[in-house]
Amino acid sequence: MILLTMDIGNTSASVAVFSNDKLFSVVTLNKVKLLQQIKSFLKQLRGPVEACLVASVAGKNREIINLIRKHTRVILLNKKLLLPIKNKYRTPNTLGNDRLACAVGAAMLFPKRNVLVIDAGTCIKYDFVNNKGHYLGGSITPGLNMRLQALHQFTAALPLVKPAQFNKITGRTTEESILSGVLQGIKFEMEGFVKAYNSQVKSLKVVVTGGDYLSLAKGLKNDIFAAPNLIHIGLYDILKKNLA
């Protein structure tokens, strides 16, 4: 039995193939050629697909959904679906699908644990699930590229600096100073959130994911669990819950 999960985000898209309760593969898709690449992907699948769960934060994507429906049943991630965790967010209608799916994925990986998800993507999201399986919410801050672009766009003289590795506190050029401020600032921010949650709950597990997770979370002092495909793990568990 094959199940698919598809994540269409602000800047990227991906589709995952699950077979016999295991993650078989994850394919990153080009947002510009998304429809064409999905057509090619569906043709290459071996065996029938039972269903596909689609999560999107960037519009309804009707063409894509209609295309997938020609091959299998499509379930759209929305607030009406059953969840394997309890959503305690006060404004569930404003909660991003990506945040919800990652919270579910973390709770499934570490059941009955207090879990903090750090999703380092376009924005950096911090989401907390307690040991009772209750999603309580979290925090949203600007991501790496957003911070670099903001320094350039909202000042008269600062250049637009491309993301690069820079581990020093003191930058000796303007470019180095910007990288130091942004990268170290994110590191200190992450450490601060982890420290704050550690002071409030016991046995906290920190799970990191997102496109920039390797470069941004690498320097964290705390014991962390890297889960690059966390959103698809969460989407898969939501899909199974609604097929049962």
Protein backbone atom coordinates (compact mmCIF):
# COMPACT_ATOMS: atom_id res chain seq x y z
CA MET A 1 0.00 0.00 0.00
CA ILE A 2 1.38 3.40 -1.02
CA LEU A 3 0.42 6.66 0.65
CA LEU A 4 1.62 10.10 -0.41
CA THR A 5 2.05 13.35 1.48
CA MET A 6 2.67 16.65 -0.26
CA ASP A 7 3.88 19.88 1.31
CA ILE A 8 3.59 23.09 -0.73
CA GLY A 9 5.28 25.87 1.21
CA ASN A 10 6.12 29.51 0.63
CA THR A 11 9.41 28.88 -1.15
CA SER A 12 9.60 25.12 -1.73
CA ALA A 13 7.54 22.00 -2.27
CA SER A 14 8.10 18.31 -1.65
CA VAL A 15 6.29 14.99 -1.85
CA ALA A 16 6.92 11.88 0.24
CA VAL A 17 6.19 8.24 -0.51
CA PHE A 18 5.22 5.92 2.35
CA SER A 19 4.97 2.18 1.91
CA ASN A 20 4.12 -0.36 4.62
CA ASP A 21 4.31 2.31 7.32
CA LYS A 22 7.83 3.37 6.33
CA LEU A 23 9.09 6.54 4.65
CA PHE A 24 10.37 5.31 1.30
CA SER A 25 11.49 8.56 -0.35
CA VAL A 26 11.12 12.35 -0.33
CA VAL A 27 11.35 14.33 -3.56
CA THR A 28 11.99 18.07 -3.58
CA LEU A 29 10.06 19.87 -6.31
CA ASN A 30 10.74 23.07 -8.23
CA LYS A 31 8.01 25.60 -7.44
CA VAL A 32 8.30 27.14 -10.92
CA LYS A 33 7.84 23.78 -12.69
CA LEU A 34 5.68 22.22 -9.99
CA LEU A 35 2.83 20.93 -12.18
CA GLN A 36 5.20 19.42 -14.74
CA GLN A 37 7.32 17.72 -12.10
CA ILE A 38 4.32 16.25 -10.28
CA LYS A 39 3.10 14.76 -13.57
CA SER A 40 6.47 13.10 -14.04
CA PHE A 41 6.57 11.93 -10.42
CA LEU A 42 3.14 10.30 -10.58
CA LYS A 43 4.07 8.41 -13.76
CA GLN A 44 7.12 6.91 -12.08
CA LEU A 45 5.26 5.49 -9.09
CA ARG A 46 5.13 1.72 -8.92
CA GLY A 47 1.87 0.34 -7.65
CA PRO A 48 -1.50 1.88 -6.77
CA VAL A 49 -1.68 4.87 -4.43
CA GLU A 50 -4.40 4.68 -1.78
CA ALA A 51 -4.48 8.39 -0.91
CA CYS A 52 -2.52 11.63 -0.82
CA LEU A 53 -2.65 14.29 1.88
CA VAL A 54 -1.85 17.78 0.56
CA ALA A 55 -0.77 20.61 2.85
CA SER A 56 -0.37 24.06 1.41
CA VAL A 57 0.44 27.45 2.91
CA ALA A 58 0.68 29.14 -0.46
CA GLY A 59 -2.79 29.03 -1.97
CA LYS A 60 -5.25 26.39 -3.11
CA ASN A 61 -3.19 25.00 -6.06
CA ARG A 62 -6.27 23.72 -7.87
CA GLU A 63 -4.42 22.47 -10.95
CA ILE A 64 -2.10 20.35 -8.86
CA ILE A 65 -4.91 18.92 -6.74
CA ASN A 66 -7.01 18.08 -9.82
CA LEU A 67 -4.01 16.35 -11.38
CA ILE A 68 -3.41 14.17 -8.33
CA ARG A 69 -7.12 13.33 -8.13
CA LYS A 70 -6.81 11.61 -11.50
CA HIS A 71 -4.48 9.11 -9.84
CA THR A 72 -5.77 8.74 -6.29
CA ARG A 73 -7.95 10.08 -3.51
CA VAL A 74 -6.86 13.54 -2.30
CA ILE A 75 -7.33 14.77 1.24
CA LEU A 76 -6.64 18.44 1.92
CA LEU A 77 -5.17 19.33 5.29
CA ASN A 78 -7.73 21.53 7.02
CA LYS A 79 -9.12 22.23 10.47
CA LYS A 80 -11.85 19.60 10.10
CA LEU A 81 -9.51 16.60 9.91
CA LEU A 82 -8.97 14.30 12.86
CA LEU A 83 -5.61 14.67 14.59
CA PRO A 84 -3.53 12.18 16.61
CA ILE A 85 -2.86 15.01 19.10
CA LYS A 86 -5.13 17.59 20.72
CA ASN A 87 -4.90 21.07 19.26
CA LYS A 88 -5.14 23.56 22.13
CA TYR A 89 -4.26 26.62 20.01
CA ARG A 90 -6.68 29.43 20.84
CA THR A 91 -7.08 30.47 17.20
CA PRO A 92 -6.86 27.17 15.27
CA ASN A 93 -8.15 28.79 12.07
CA THR A 94 -5.00 30.94 11.91
CA LEU A 95 -2.57 28.10 12.61
CA GLY A 96 -0.30 27.26 9.68
CA ASN A 97 -0.50 23.72 8.30
CA ASP A 98 3.27 23.41 8.47
CA ARG A 99 3.34 24.18 12.20
CA LEU A 100 0.55 21.72 12.91
CA ALA A 101 2.09 18.92 10.87
CA CYS A 102 5.51 19.34 12.47
CA ALA A 103 3.94 19.30 15.93
CA VAL A 104 2.16 16.05 15.10
CA GLY A 105 5.36 14.54 13.70
CA ALA A 106 7.34 15.42 16.81
CA ALA A 107 4.65 14.02 19.11
CA MET A 108 4.62 10.77 17.14
CA LEU A 109 8.41 10.45 17.25
CA PHE A 110 8.51 11.13 20.99
CA PRO A 111 5.19 10.08 22.55
CA LYS A 112 4.48 11.14 26.12
CA ARG A 113 7.38 13.61 26.03
CA ASN A 114 7.53 17.37 26.23
CA VAL A 115 8.72 18.32 22.75
CA LEU A 116 9.90 21.63 21.34
CA VAL A 117 10.01 21.80 17.53
CA ILE A 118 12.37 24.30 15.92
CA ASP A 119 11.48 24.66 12.25
CA ALA A 120 14.15 26.76 10.52
CA GLY A 121 12.57 27.68 7.22
CA THR A 122 11.39 30.94 5.64
CA CYS A 123 10.40 31.84 9.19
CA ILE A 124 11.75 30.17 12.31
CA LYS A 125 8.91 28.53 14.20
CA TYR A 126 9.05 27.24 17.76
CA ASP A 127 6.17 24.89 18.60
CA PHE A 128 5.52 23.03 21.83
CA VAL A 129 3.68 19.75 22.46
CA ASN A 130 3.42 18.62 26.07
CA ASN A 131 3.70 15.08 27.44
CA LYS A 132 -0.09 14.72 27.32
CA GLY A 133 -0.09 15.11 23.54
CA HIS A 134 -1.49 18.65 23.65
CA TYR A 135 -0.25 21.19 21.13
CA LEU A 136 -0.15 24.51 23.00
CA GLY A 137 1.36 26.91 20.43
CA GLY A 138 4.73 28.61 20.17
CA SER A 139 6.58 31.49 18.55
CA ILE A 140 7.39 32.80 15.07
CA THR A 141 10.46 34.85 14.17
CA PRO A 142 12.11 35.90 10.88
CA GLY A 143 14.21 33.26 9.16
CA LEU A 144 17.80 33.51 7.94
CA ASN A 145 17.16 34.99 4.49
CA MET A 146 14.39 37.24 5.77
CA ARG A 147 16.77 38.83 8.28
CA LEU A 148 19.49 39.35 5.69
CA GLN A 149 17.04 40.92 3.24
CA ALA A 150 15.50 43.15 5.90
CA LEU A 151 18.88 44.64 6.84
CA HIS A 152 19.41 45.58 3.19
CA GLN A 153 15.89 46.76 2.35
CA PHE A 154 15.27 48.87 5.44
CA THR A 155 18.62 50.65 5.50
CA ALA A 156 20.31 53.04 3.09
CA ALA A 157 23.81 51.60 3.03
CA LEU A 158 23.89 47.99 4.22
CA PRO A 159 24.53 45.46 1.42
CA LEU A 160 22.50 42.33 0.71
CA VAL A 161 24.63 39.53 2.08
CA LYS A 162 24.23 35.95 0.94
CA PRO A 163 23.98 33.22 3.59
CA ALA A 164 27.38 31.77 4.45
CA GLN A 165 29.10 30.02 7.32
CA PHE A 166 30.57 32.47 9.82
CA ASN A 167 31.16 31.38 13.40
CA LYS A 168 32.98 34.39 14.84
CA ILE A 169 31.38 36.88 17.19
CA THR A 170 33.29 39.87 15.83
CA GLY A 171 32.90 40.69 12.16
CA ARG A 172 35.78 42.70 10.73
CA THR A 173 33.96 43.85 7.60
CA THR A 174 30.38 45.01 7.10
CA GLU A 175 29.50 41.72 5.43
CA GLU A 176 31.05 39.75 8.30
CA SER A 177 29.31 41.96 10.85
CA ILE A 178 25.94 41.26 9.25
CA LEU A 179 26.60 37.51 9.15
CA SER A 180 27.75 37.56 12.76
CA GLY A 181 24.70 39.51 13.89
CA VAL A 182 22.23 37.35 12.01
CA LEU A 183 23.76 33.91 12.59
CA GLN A 184 24.81 34.45 16.19
CA GLY A 185 21.54 36.22 16.88
CA ILE A 186 19.59 33.19 15.66
CA LYS A 187 21.81 30.85 17.68
CA PHE A 188 21.32 32.90 20.86
CA GLU A 189 17.59 33.09 20.16
CA MET A 190 17.30 29.30 19.78
CA GLU A 191 19.33 28.69 22.93
CA GLY A 192 17.17 31.18 24.79
CA PHE A 193 13.92 29.46 23.80
CA VAL A 194 15.29 26.04 24.72
CA LYS A 195 16.49 27.36 28.08
CA ALA A 196 13.11 28.96 28.79
CA TYR A 197 11.20 25.76 28.04
CA ASN A 198 13.68 23.70 30.07
CA SER A 199 12.92 25.92 33.04
CA GLN A 200 9.20 25.26 32.71
CA VAL A 201 8.97 21.54 31.89
CA LYS A 202 10.89 18.35 32.62
CA SER A 203 12.61 16.04 30.13
CA LEU A 204 12.32 18.40 27.17
CA LYS A 205 13.15 16.93 23.76
CA VAL A 206 14.24 19.40 21.09
CA VAL A 207 13.52 18.47 17.46
CA VAL A 208 14.92 20.58 14.63
CA THR A 209 13.77 20.62 11.02
CA GLY A 210 13.40 22.98 8.03
CA GLY A 211 15.59 24.02 5.13
CA ASP A 212 18.17 25.86 7.24
CA TYR A 213 18.20 23.49 10.22
CA LEU A 214 21.72 22.14 9.57
CA SER A 215 23.46 25.51 9.48
CA LEU A 216 21.42 27.21 12.20
CA ALA A 217 20.98 24.49 14.82
CA LYS A 218 24.44 22.97 14.48
CA GLY A 219 25.92 25.12 17.21
CA LEU A 220 23.24 24.49 19.81
CA LYS A 221 24.65 23.21 23.10
CA ASN A 222 21.55 21.21 23.95
CA ASP A 223 20.94 17.62 22.90
CA ILE A 224 18.82 17.88 19.77
CA PHE A 225 17.20 15.45 17.36
CA ALA A 226 17.44 16.35 13.68
CA ALA A 227 14.38 15.39 11.63
CA PRO A 228 14.61 16.87 8.12
CA ASN A 229 11.39 15.13 7.03
CA LEU A 230 9.41 15.95 10.16
CA ILE A 231 6.55 17.64 8.30
CA HIS A 232 5.98 14.55 6.17
CA ILE A 233 6.05 12.29 9.23
CA GLY A 234 3.33 14.47 10.74
CA LEU A 235 1.30 14.58 7.55
CA TYR A 236 1.49 10.80 7.26
CA ASP A 237 0.17 10.31 10.78
CA ILE A 238 -2.69 12.74 10.09
CA LEU A 239 -3.47 10.90 6.86
CA LYS A 240 -3.57 7.51 8.62
CA LYS A 241 -5.84 8.95 11.32
CA ASN A 242 -8.35 10.04 8.68
CA LEU A 243 -8.23 6.80 6.69
CA ALA A 244 -8.90 4.60 9.70
